Amino acid sequence: MSDIVAAARGWIGTPYVHQASLKHVGCDCLGLLRGVWREVNGPEPERTPAYTPDWGEPEGAERLLDAAARHLFEVRLVDAEPGDVLVFRMRRRAIAKHVGILAGVAPGAFIHSYSGKGVVESPLSAAWAARIAAVFRLP
């Protein structure tokens, strides 16, 4: 999994740009995952439709989790390894709408992109860990 973490770390410093996926130019959290996929696995498995920052929240649609389940392998949180994809719910009982890539298990850290910061490596604090909705592994 070190190749996935290394690829993700190569995106650190990329500015946040909604719906973008260009290393050093701009990306959002999904754009980071898409870019790492391209670097590690080749062409993306499906075209990403346009999406709003609310990720389908008004309809309650789990678009991000559904897409992850189509292309990634779900693993239990206790089995998570560096390079695995973390999917987060930003609020309890809300839809999942943020992703990051696990960079280390102990101490925990993950790489993600968010508004105002761009791509960063953050500690996987208790507050972040409590928001994990699912963990997936790239093929």
N, C-alpha and C. Protein backbone atom coordinates (compact mmCIF):
# COMPACT_ATOMS: atom_id res chain seq x y z
N MET A 1 0.81 -1.20 0.00
CA MET A 1 0.00 0.00 0.00
C MET A 1 0.85 1.27 0.00
N SER A 2 2.16 1.14 0.18
CA SER A 2 3.00 2.33 0.25
C SER A 2 2.96 3.14 -1.05
N ASP A 3 2.70 2.48 -2.19
CA ASP A 3 2.61 3.24 -3.44
C ASP A 3 1.39 4.17 -3.44
N ILE A 4 0.30 3.76 -2.80
CA ILE A 4 -0.89 4.61 -2.73
C ILE A 4 -0.62 5.80 -1.83
N VAL A 5 -0.01 5.57 -0.67
CA VAL A 5 0.31 6.66 0.25
C VAL A 5 1.31 7.62 -0.40
N ALA A 6 2.30 7.07 -1.07
CA ALA A 6 3.30 7.92 -1.74
C ALA A 6 2.63 8.76 -2.82
N ALA A 7 1.74 8.16 -3.59
CA ALA A 7 1.02 8.92 -4.62
C ALA A 7 0.19 10.03 -3.98
N ALA A 8 -0.53 9.71 -2.90
CA ALA A 8 -1.36 10.71 -2.23
C ALA A 8 -0.51 11.84 -1.66
N ARG A 9 0.62 11.50 -1.08
CA ARG A 9 1.49 12.54 -0.52
C ARG A 9 2.02 13.46 -1.62
N GLY A 10 2.14 12.95 -2.82
CA GLY A 10 2.56 13.79 -3.94
C GLY A 10 1.56 14.89 -4.28
N TRP A 11 0.34 14.76 -3.80
CA TRP A 11 -0.70 15.77 -4.04
C TRP A 11 -0.75 16.83 -2.95
N ILE A 12 -0.02 16.63 -1.84
CA ILE A 12 -0.05 17.60 -0.74
C ILE A 12 0.36 18.97 -1.27
N GLY A 13 -0.43 19.97 -0.88
CA GLY A 13 -0.20 21.33 -1.34
C GLY A 13 -1.06 21.71 -2.52
N THR A 14 -1.71 20.74 -3.17
CA THR A 14 -2.63 21.05 -4.27
C THR A 14 -3.80 21.84 -3.70
N PRO A 15 -4.14 22.98 -4.29
CA PRO A 15 -5.24 23.78 -3.77
C PRO A 15 -6.60 23.08 -3.91
N TYR A 16 -7.53 23.47 -3.05
CA TYR A 16 -8.89 22.93 -3.13
C TYR A 16 -9.62 23.61 -4.29
N VAL A 17 -10.15 22.80 -5.20
CA VAL A 17 -11.02 23.28 -6.28
C VAL A 17 -12.12 22.24 -6.43
N HIS A 18 -13.36 22.66 -6.20
CA HIS A 18 -14.51 21.76 -6.28
C HIS A 18 -14.58 21.07 -7.66
N GLN A 19 -14.74 19.77 -7.67
CA GLN A 19 -14.86 18.90 -8.83
C GLN A 19 -13.58 18.73 -9.65
N ALA A 20 -12.49 19.35 -9.26
CA ALA A 20 -11.25 19.24 -10.03
C ALA A 20 -10.44 18.02 -9.58
N SER A 21 -9.52 17.60 -10.43
CA SER A 21 -8.66 16.46 -10.11
C SER A 21 -7.34 16.58 -10.87
N LEU A 22 -6.64 17.71 -10.65
CA LEU A 22 -5.36 17.95 -11.32
C LEU A 22 -4.29 18.24 -10.28
N LYS A 23 -3.32 17.35 -10.20
CA LYS A 23 -2.24 17.48 -9.23
C LYS A 23 -1.55 18.84 -9.37
N HIS A 24 -1.32 19.51 -8.27
CA HIS A 24 -0.66 20.81 -8.16
C HIS A 24 -1.50 21.95 -8.74
N VAL A 25 -2.65 21.64 -9.34
CA VAL A 25 -3.52 22.67 -9.91
C VAL A 25 -4.76 22.85 -9.04
N GLY A 26 -5.46 21.75 -8.74
CA GLY A 26 -6.63 21.84 -7.88
C GLY A 26 -7.38 20.53 -7.81
N CYS A 27 -7.97 20.26 -6.65
CA CYS A 27 -8.82 19.08 -6.48
C CYS A 27 -9.65 19.23 -5.22
N ASP A 28 -10.72 18.45 -5.17
CA ASP A 28 -11.48 18.31 -3.94
C ASP A 28 -11.15 16.92 -3.39
N CYS A 29 -11.88 16.46 -2.37
CA CYS A 29 -11.52 15.17 -1.78
C CYS A 29 -11.69 14.02 -2.77
N LEU A 30 -12.77 14.04 -3.54
CA LEU A 30 -12.97 12.99 -4.54
C LEU A 30 -11.93 13.12 -5.66
N GLY A 31 -11.60 14.34 -6.03
CA GLY A 31 -10.58 14.56 -7.05
C GLY A 31 -9.22 14.01 -6.65
N LEU A 32 -8.90 14.11 -5.36
CA LEU A 32 -7.66 13.51 -4.86
C LEU A 32 -7.69 12.00 -5.05
N LEU A 33 -8.78 11.37 -4.64
CA LEU A 33 -8.91 9.92 -4.80
C LEU A 33 -8.85 9.53 -6.27
N ARG A 34 -9.53 10.29 -7.13
CA ARG A 34 -9.50 9.99 -8.57
C ARG A 34 -8.08 10.09 -9.11
N GLY A 35 -7.36 11.13 -8.70
CA GLY A 35 -5.99 11.32 -9.17
C GLY A 35 -5.07 10.21 -8.71
N VAL A 36 -5.21 9.80 -7.45
CA VAL A 36 -4.39 8.70 -6.94
C VAL A 36 -4.74 7.41 -7.68
N TRP A 37 -6.03 7.19 -7.93
CA TRP A 37 -6.45 6.01 -8.70
C TRP A 37 -5.73 5.98 -10.05
N ARG A 38 -5.74 7.13 -10.76
CA ARG A 38 -5.10 7.18 -12.08
C ARG A 38 -3.61 6.87 -11.98
N GLU A 39 -2.94 7.38 -10.96
CA GLU A 39 -1.51 7.15 -10.81
C GLU A 39 -1.20 5.68 -10.50
N VAL A 40 -2.05 5.04 -9.71
CA VAL A 40 -1.77 3.69 -9.24
C VAL A 40 -2.42 2.61 -10.13
N ASN A 41 -3.64 2.87 -10.60
CA ASN A 41 -4.41 1.85 -11.33
C ASN A 41 -4.62 2.14 -12.81
N GLY A 42 -4.39 3.36 -13.26
CA GLY A 42 -4.66 3.70 -14.65
C GLY A 42 -5.97 4.45 -14.79
N PRO A 43 -6.63 4.34 -15.94
CA PRO A 43 -7.85 5.12 -16.20
C PRO A 43 -8.93 4.89 -15.13
N GLU A 44 -9.67 5.95 -14.86
CA GLU A 44 -10.77 5.86 -13.89
C GLU A 44 -11.83 4.88 -14.40
N PRO A 45 -12.48 4.16 -13.49
CA PRO A 45 -13.43 3.13 -13.90
C PRO A 45 -14.76 3.66 -14.43
N GLU A 46 -15.10 4.90 -14.13
CA GLU A 46 -16.33 5.48 -14.66
C GLU A 46 -16.19 6.99 -14.68
N ARG A 47 -16.97 7.60 -15.52
CA ARG A 47 -16.98 9.06 -15.60
C ARG A 47 -17.67 9.61 -14.36
N THR A 48 -17.08 10.61 -13.75
CA THR A 48 -17.67 11.22 -12.56
C THR A 48 -18.67 12.27 -12.99
N PRO A 49 -19.94 12.12 -12.59
CA PRO A 49 -20.93 13.12 -12.95
C PRO A 49 -20.71 14.41 -12.15
N ALA A 50 -21.25 15.50 -12.64
CA ALA A 50 -21.18 16.75 -11.89
C ALA A 50 -21.87 16.54 -10.55
N TYR A 51 -21.36 17.19 -9.52
CA TYR A 51 -21.95 17.07 -8.19
C TYR A 51 -21.80 18.40 -7.47
N THR A 52 -22.73 18.63 -6.57
CA THR A 52 -22.71 19.86 -5.78
C THR A 52 -21.99 19.57 -4.46
N PRO A 53 -21.55 20.61 -3.77
CA PRO A 53 -20.87 20.39 -2.50
C PRO A 53 -21.72 19.65 -1.46
N ASP A 54 -23.04 19.66 -1.60
CA ASP A 54 -23.87 18.96 -0.61
C ASP A 54 -23.99 17.46 -0.89
N TRP A 55 -23.44 16.97 -2.02
CA TRP A 55 -23.36 15.55 -2.34
C TRP A 55 -24.69 14.82 -2.31
N GLY A 56 -25.78 15.49 -2.63
CA GLY A 56 -27.07 14.81 -2.63
C GLY A 56 -27.73 14.77 -1.28
N GLU A 57 -27.26 15.59 -0.36
CA GLU A 57 -27.82 15.61 0.99
C GLU A 57 -29.32 15.85 1.02
N PRO A 58 -29.85 16.77 0.22
CA PRO A 58 -31.31 17.01 0.28
C PRO A 58 -32.13 15.75 -0.01
N GLU A 59 -31.63 14.88 -0.90
CA GLU A 59 -32.37 13.65 -1.23
C GLU A 59 -31.99 12.49 -0.32
N GLY A 60 -30.94 12.65 0.47
CA GLY A 60 -30.47 11.56 1.31
C GLY A 60 -29.79 10.45 0.52
N ALA A 61 -29.32 10.77 -0.66
CA ALA A 61 -28.69 9.77 -1.53
C ALA A 61 -27.24 9.53 -1.12
N GLU A 62 -26.88 8.28 -0.94
CA GLU A 62 -25.51 7.91 -0.57
C GLU A 62 -24.65 7.72 -1.82
N ARG A 63 -24.51 8.76 -2.61
CA ARG A 63 -23.79 8.67 -3.89
C ARG A 63 -22.33 8.27 -3.72
N LEU A 64 -21.67 8.83 -2.74
CA LEU A 64 -20.25 8.54 -2.53
C LEU A 64 -20.05 7.10 -2.08
N LEU A 65 -20.82 6.65 -1.11
CA LEU A 65 -20.71 5.26 -0.66
C LEU A 65 -21.07 4.28 -1.76
N ASP A 66 -22.11 4.59 -2.53
CA ASP A 66 -22.51 3.70 -3.63
C ASP A 66 -21.40 3.57 -4.67
N ALA A 67 -20.78 4.70 -5.03
CA ALA A 67 -19.69 4.66 -6.01
C ALA A 67 -18.50 3.88 -5.47
N ALA A 68 -18.17 4.10 -4.20
CA ALA A 68 -17.05 3.37 -3.59
C ALA A 68 -17.32 1.87 -3.63
N ALA A 69 -18.55 1.47 -3.32
CA ALA A 69 -18.89 0.04 -3.32
C ALA A 69 -18.82 -0.58 -4.71
N ARG A 70 -19.02 0.24 -5.75
CA ARG A 70 -18.93 -0.29 -7.12
C ARG A 70 -17.50 -0.59 -7.55
N HIS A 71 -16.54 0.15 -7.02
CA HIS A 71 -15.18 0.07 -7.56
C HIS A 71 -14.09 -0.31 -6.57
N LEU A 72 -14.42 -0.33 -5.29
CA LEU A 72 -13.43 -0.62 -4.25
C LEU A 72 -13.90 -1.81 -3.43
N PHE A 73 -13.02 -2.35 -2.63
CA PHE A 73 -13.35 -3.48 -1.76
C PHE A 73 -13.52 -2.97 -0.33
N GLU A 74 -14.70 -3.20 0.24
CA GLU A 74 -14.93 -2.74 1.61
C GLU A 74 -14.16 -3.63 2.59
N VAL A 75 -13.55 -2.99 3.59
CA VAL A 75 -12.84 -3.71 4.65
C VAL A 75 -13.32 -3.19 5.99
N ARG A 76 -13.15 -3.99 7.01
CA ARG A 76 -13.53 -3.55 8.36
C ARG A 76 -12.53 -2.51 8.85
N LEU A 77 -13.03 -1.59 9.65
CA LEU A 77 -12.17 -0.53 10.19
C LEU A 77 -10.98 -1.12 10.94
N VAL A 78 -11.18 -2.18 11.67
CA VAL A 78 -10.08 -2.78 12.44
C VAL A 78 -9.01 -3.39 11.52
N ASP A 79 -9.36 -3.63 10.27
CA ASP A 79 -8.42 -4.20 9.30
C ASP A 79 -7.81 -3.14 8.38
N ALA A 80 -8.10 -1.86 8.64
CA ALA A 80 -7.62 -0.78 7.77
C ALA A 80 -6.10 -0.72 7.77
N GLU A 81 -5.56 -0.44 6.58
CA GLU A 81 -4.11 -0.35 6.38
C GLU A 81 -3.80 0.96 5.66
N PRO A 82 -2.56 1.44 5.77
CA PRO A 82 -2.19 2.62 4.99
C PRO A 82 -2.49 2.40 3.51
N GLY A 83 -3.08 3.40 2.88
CA GLY A 83 -3.49 3.31 1.49
C GLY A 83 -4.97 3.06 1.33
N ASP A 84 -5.65 2.65 2.41
CA ASP A 84 -7.10 2.43 2.34
C ASP A 84 -7.83 3.76 2.29
N VAL A 85 -9.02 3.72 1.72
CA VAL A 85 -9.86 4.91 1.56
C VAL A 85 -10.83 5.00 2.73
N LEU A 86 -10.82 6.13 3.40
CA LEU A 86 -11.74 6.39 4.50
C LEU A 86 -12.88 7.25 3.97
N VAL A 87 -14.11 6.85 4.23
CA VAL A 87 -15.28 7.63 3.83
C VAL A 87 -15.93 8.15 5.11
N PHE A 88 -16.18 9.44 5.15
CA PHE A 88 -16.66 10.10 6.36
C PHE A 88 -18.07 10.66 6.22
N ARG A 89 -18.81 10.63 7.33
CA ARG A 89 -20.04 11.40 7.50
C ARG A 89 -19.65 12.62 8.32
N MET A 90 -19.93 13.78 7.82
CA MET A 90 -19.52 14.98 8.53
C MET A 90 -20.43 15.29 9.72
N ARG A 91 -21.64 14.75 9.70
CA ARG A 91 -22.57 14.88 10.82
C ARG A 91 -23.22 13.53 11.06
N ARG A 92 -23.56 13.26 12.29
CA ARG A 92 -24.25 12.01 12.63
C ARG A 92 -25.54 11.90 11.84
N ARG A 93 -25.82 10.75 11.30
CA ARG A 93 -27.01 10.43 10.51
C ARG A 93 -27.11 11.20 9.19
N ALA A 94 -26.04 11.88 8.80
CA ALA A 94 -26.01 12.55 7.49
C ALA A 94 -25.40 11.59 6.48
N ILE A 95 -25.51 11.93 5.20
CA ILE A 95 -24.89 11.10 4.17
C ILE A 95 -23.36 11.23 4.25
N ALA A 96 -22.67 10.25 3.72
CA ALA A 96 -21.22 10.30 3.63
C ALA A 96 -20.84 11.23 2.49
N LYS A 97 -19.95 12.18 2.76
CA LYS A 97 -19.59 13.12 1.69
C LYS A 97 -18.16 13.64 1.76
N HIS A 98 -17.28 12.88 2.41
CA HIS A 98 -15.87 13.27 2.44
C HIS A 98 -15.03 12.00 2.39
N VAL A 99 -13.91 12.05 1.69
CA VAL A 99 -13.01 10.90 1.62
C VAL A 99 -11.58 11.33 1.91
N GLY A 100 -10.81 10.38 2.39
CA GLY A 100 -9.40 10.58 2.62
C GLY A 100 -8.68 9.26 2.44
N ILE A 101 -7.38 9.30 2.42
CA ILE A 101 -6.56 8.10 2.26
C ILE A 101 -5.73 7.92 3.51
N LEU A 102 -5.89 6.77 4.15
CA LEU A 102 -5.18 6.47 5.38
C LEU A 102 -3.68 6.46 5.10
N ALA A 103 -2.93 7.26 5.87
CA ALA A 103 -1.49 7.37 5.63
C ALA A 103 -0.68 6.63 6.67
N GLY A 104 -1.26 6.37 7.82
CA GLY A 104 -0.55 5.66 8.87
C GLY A 104 -1.52 5.16 9.92
N VAL A 105 -1.22 4.02 10.50
CA VAL A 105 -2.13 3.43 11.48
C VAL A 105 -1.79 3.90 12.88
N ALA A 106 -0.52 3.91 13.26
CA ALA A 106 -0.15 4.35 14.60
C ALA A 106 1.14 5.16 14.51
N PRO A 107 1.13 6.45 14.70
CA PRO A 107 -0.08 7.23 14.98
C PRO A 107 -0.90 7.42 13.71
N GLY A 108 -2.17 7.51 13.87
CA GLY A 108 -3.06 7.62 12.71
C GLY A 108 -2.95 8.96 12.01
N ALA A 109 -2.98 8.90 10.69
CA ALA A 109 -2.99 10.11 9.87
C ALA A 109 -3.69 9.77 8.57
N PHE A 110 -4.24 10.79 7.92
CA PHE A 110 -4.86 10.58 6.62
C PHE A 110 -4.65 11.80 5.76
N ILE A 111 -4.72 11.58 4.45
CA ILE A 111 -4.50 12.63 3.45
C ILE A 111 -5.85 12.91 2.81
N HIS A 112 -6.21 14.20 2.75
CA HIS A 112 -7.50 14.59 2.20
C HIS A 112 -7.41 16.03 1.71
N SER A 113 -8.46 16.45 1.01
CA SER A 113 -8.54 17.82 0.51
C SER A 113 -9.83 18.44 1.01
N TYR A 114 -9.72 19.65 1.52
CA TYR A 114 -10.94 20.33 1.92
C TYR A 114 -10.81 21.83 1.74
N SER A 115 -11.97 22.45 1.64
CA SER A 115 -12.07 23.87 1.34
C SER A 115 -11.24 24.72 2.31
N GLY A 116 -10.49 25.64 1.75
CA GLY A 116 -9.68 26.54 2.55
C GLY A 116 -8.30 25.99 2.87
N LYS A 117 -8.07 24.71 2.69
CA LYS A 117 -6.78 24.10 3.02
C LYS A 117 -6.12 23.40 1.83
N GLY A 118 -6.92 22.81 0.95
CA GLY A 118 -6.35 22.00 -0.13
C GLY A 118 -5.95 20.64 0.40
N VAL A 119 -5.00 19.99 -0.26
CA VAL A 119 -4.59 18.64 0.14
C VAL A 119 -3.58 18.75 1.28
N VAL A 120 -3.92 18.08 2.38
CA VAL A 120 -3.09 18.08 3.58
C VAL A 120 -3.06 16.68 4.18
N GLU A 121 -2.09 16.44 5.03
CA GLU A 121 -2.06 15.23 5.83
C GLU A 121 -2.44 15.65 7.24
N SER A 122 -3.50 15.06 7.76
CA SER A 122 -4.03 15.42 9.07
C SER A 122 -3.97 14.24 10.02
N PRO A 123 -3.87 14.52 11.32
CA PRO A 123 -3.96 13.43 12.29
C PRO A 123 -5.36 12.82 12.25
N LEU A 124 -5.43 11.54 12.39
CA LEU A 124 -6.74 10.87 12.47
C LEU A 124 -7.16 10.92 13.94
N SER A 125 -7.61 12.11 14.33
CA SER A 125 -8.01 12.36 15.71
C SER A 125 -9.27 11.57 16.05
N ALA A 126 -9.61 11.55 17.32
CA ALA A 126 -10.83 10.86 17.76
C ALA A 126 -12.06 11.47 17.07
N ALA A 127 -12.06 12.77 16.88
CA ALA A 127 -13.20 13.42 16.22
C ALA A 127 -13.34 12.94 14.77
N TRP A 128 -12.23 12.84 14.04
CA TRP A 128 -12.28 12.34 12.67
C TRP A 128 -12.65 10.86 12.66
N ALA A 129 -12.03 10.07 13.52
CA ALA A 129 -12.29 8.63 13.56
C ALA A 129 -13.76 8.34 13.83
N ALA A 130 -14.40 9.16 14.66
CA ALA A 130 -15.82 8.95 14.97
C ALA A 130 -16.71 9.19 13.76
N ARG A 131 -16.21 9.89 12.75
CA ARG A 131 -17.00 10.21 11.56
C ARG A 131 -16.84 9.17 10.44
N ILE A 132 -15.97 8.19 10.61
CA ILE A 132 -15.76 7.19 9.56
C ILE A 132 -17.02 6.38 9.35
N ALA A 133 -17.50 6.38 8.10
CA ALA A 133 -18.69 5.62 7.74
C ALA A 133 -18.32 4.26 7.15
N ALA A 134 -17.19 4.19 6.46
CA ALA A 134 -16.76 2.96 5.81
C ALA A 134 -15.29 3.08 5.43
N VAL A 135 -14.67 1.92 5.22
CA VAL A 135 -13.29 1.86 4.77
C VAL A 135 -13.24 0.94 3.55
N PHE A 136 -12.52 1.39 2.53
CA PHE A 136 -12.42 0.63 1.30
C PHE A 136 -10.96 0.50 0.90
N ARG A 137 -10.67 -0.52 0.10
CA ARG A 137 -9.33 -0.77 -0.41
C ARG A 137 -9.36 -0.71 -1.92
N LEU A 138 -8.37 -0.04 -2.50
CA LEU A 138 -8.27 -0.01 -3.96
C LEU A 138 -7.94 -1.41 -4.48
N PRO A 139 -8.43 -1.74 -5.68
CA PRO A 139 -8.10 -3.05 -6.26
C PRO A 139 -6.63 -3.13 -6.64
